[in-house]
Amino acid sequence: GFLPVGDAERAVDARIAALAATVALRRHARGAATGERAGRDLRDVRLLVGSGGVLRHAAPADAAGVLGAVLADHAGGWPLPRAARPVVDVDYVLAAGGLLAAEHPAAAGALLRRHLATD
């Protein structure tokens, strides 16, 4: 009952998701919150993983549009990734991979490669 039912609601959700993802990347890249003097260099980032219900339940083209907006954001003032491939964590494995990483790095890597198709 909480999922959008019409095209207009889906479009609003996609726009909010694009804005939220753009703000998140700007915060990640600028570095100021972590005490870094300069922002992070994102040019060599190869994979952009989107997670969350709005992306998981979106049509693939809509999810790609959300992540594409992030990769096309020139207003942040830092170099954008040159060749990042956007993927959506439709199986919600990103958190599980993170939890496994410290104790079982091989299993975490295999899980993420399998579900995020990173090979």
Protein backbone atom coordinates (compact mmCIF):
# COMPACT_ATOMS: atom_id res chain seq x y z
CA GLY A 1 0.00 0.00 0.00
CA PHE A 2 2.99 2.35 0.30
CA LEU A 3 4.40 1.83 -3.19
CA PRO A 4 3.56 4.47 -5.79
CA VAL A 5 0.79 3.37 -8.09
CA GLY A 6 0.78 5.95 -10.85
CA ASP A 7 3.33 7.31 -13.29
CA ALA A 8 3.27 10.74 -11.61
CA GLU A 9 4.07 9.24 -8.20
CA ARG A 10 6.86 7.12 -9.69
CA ALA A 11 8.33 10.19 -11.39
CA VAL A 12 8.29 12.13 -8.12
CA ASP A 13 9.96 9.24 -6.30
CA ALA A 14 12.62 8.98 -9.02
CA ARG A 15 13.33 12.72 -8.84
CA ILE A 16 13.63 12.65 -5.04
CA ALA A 17 15.92 9.61 -5.30
CA ALA A 18 18.12 11.38 -7.88
CA LEU A 19 18.40 14.45 -5.66
CA ALA A 20 19.17 12.37 -2.56
CA ALA A 21 21.81 10.32 -4.38
CA THR A 22 23.39 13.48 -5.80
CA VAL A 23 23.57 15.09 -2.36
CA ALA A 24 25.05 11.87 -0.93
CA LEU A 25 27.75 11.76 -3.59
CA ARG A 26 28.54 15.45 -3.10
CA ARG A 27 28.95 14.89 0.64
CA HIS A 28 31.12 11.85 0.04
CA ALA A 29 33.27 13.61 -2.54
CA ARG A 30 33.81 16.97 -0.88
CA GLY A 31 35.64 15.49 2.12
CA ALA A 32 34.99 18.43 4.46
CA ALA A 33 32.86 16.40 6.86
CA THR A 34 35.71 13.94 7.37
CA GLY A 35 38.33 16.61 8.02
CA GLU A 36 40.02 16.25 4.66
CA ARG A 37 41.32 19.46 3.11
CA ALA A 38 40.40 18.57 -0.43
CA GLY A 39 37.61 16.45 -1.80
CA ARG A 40 38.03 12.85 -2.81
CA ASP A 41 39.14 12.12 -6.36
CA LEU A 42 36.35 10.02 -7.85
CA ARG A 43 37.69 9.83 -11.41
CA ASP A 44 38.78 6.20 -11.07
CA VAL A 45 35.60 4.90 -9.41
CA ARG A 46 34.46 1.94 -11.50
CA LEU A 47 31.17 1.00 -9.86
CA LEU A 48 28.29 3.09 -8.52
CA VAL A 49 25.91 0.96 -6.47
CA GLY A 50 22.43 2.25 -5.81
CA SER A 51 20.45 0.70 -2.99
CA GLY A 52 17.02 1.19 -1.49
CA GLY A 53 13.40 0.53 -2.24
CA VAL A 54 12.83 3.32 -4.72
CA LEU A 55 15.60 1.91 -6.93
CA ARG A 56 14.83 -1.73 -6.27
CA HIS A 57 11.19 -1.33 -7.26
CA ALA A 58 11.78 1.05 -10.16
CA ALA A 59 11.78 0.06 -13.78
CA PRO A 60 15.37 -0.52 -14.91
CA ALA A 61 15.29 2.59 -17.11
CA ASP A 62 14.07 4.73 -14.19
CA ALA A 63 16.75 3.37 -11.84
CA ALA A 64 19.38 3.99 -14.52
CA GLY A 65 18.10 7.57 -14.81
CA VAL A 66 18.52 8.13 -11.08
CA LEU A 67 22.10 6.87 -11.08
CA GLY A 68 22.84 8.59 -14.37
CA ALA A 69 21.90 11.91 -12.80
CA VAL A 70 24.50 11.31 -10.11
CA LEU A 71 27.19 10.56 -12.68
CA ALA A 72 26.33 13.68 -14.67
CA ASP A 73 26.37 16.14 -11.74
CA HIS A 74 28.97 18.77 -12.64
CA ALA A 75 27.86 21.24 -9.95
CA GLY A 76 29.84 19.58 -7.17
CA GLY A 77 33.15 21.08 -8.25
CA TRP A 78 35.22 17.87 -8.38
CA PRO A 79 36.06 15.46 -11.19
CA LEU A 80 33.32 12.93 -11.81
CA PRO A 81 33.98 9.24 -12.32
CA ARG A 82 35.23 8.71 -15.87
CA ALA A 83 33.76 5.27 -16.44
CA ALA A 84 31.65 4.17 -13.48
CA ARG A 85 29.11 1.49 -14.19
CA PRO A 86 25.85 2.01 -12.30
CA VAL A 87 24.16 -1.04 -10.76
CA VAL A 88 21.21 -1.43 -8.40
CA ASP A 89 21.40 -3.71 -5.38
CA VAL A 90 18.04 -5.35 -6.10
CA ASP A 91 18.81 -8.29 -3.81
CA TYR A 92 19.87 -6.13 -0.82
CA VAL A 93 23.28 -7.80 -0.50
CA LEU A 94 25.42 -4.70 0.00
CA ALA A 95 24.89 -4.63 3.76
CA ALA A 96 25.48 -8.37 4.07
CA GLY A 97 28.70 -8.04 2.08
CA GLY A 98 29.86 -5.29 4.38
CA LEU A 99 29.12 -7.36 7.46
CA LEU A 100 31.00 -10.35 6.04
CA ALA A 101 33.99 -8.38 4.76
CA ALA A 102 36.10 -8.23 7.94
CA GLU A 103 35.86 -11.91 8.91
CA HIS A 104 35.18 -13.53 5.52
CA PRO A 105 36.49 -11.27 2.74
CA ALA A 106 36.44 -13.96 0.05
CA ALA A 107 32.81 -14.83 0.79
CA ALA A 108 31.87 -11.14 0.84
CA GLY A 109 33.57 -10.56 -2.49
CA ALA A 110 31.92 -13.59 -4.07
CA LEU A 111 28.50 -12.56 -2.79
CA LEU A 112 28.82 -9.03 -4.13
CA ARG A 113 30.26 -10.10 -7.48
CA ARG A 114 27.45 -12.59 -7.95
CA HIS A 115 24.58 -10.30 -7.01
CA LEU A 116 25.93 -7.04 -8.36
CA ALA A 117 27.34 -8.63 -11.52
CA THR A 118 30.71 -6.91 -11.12
CA ASP A 119 32.75 -9.43 -13.14
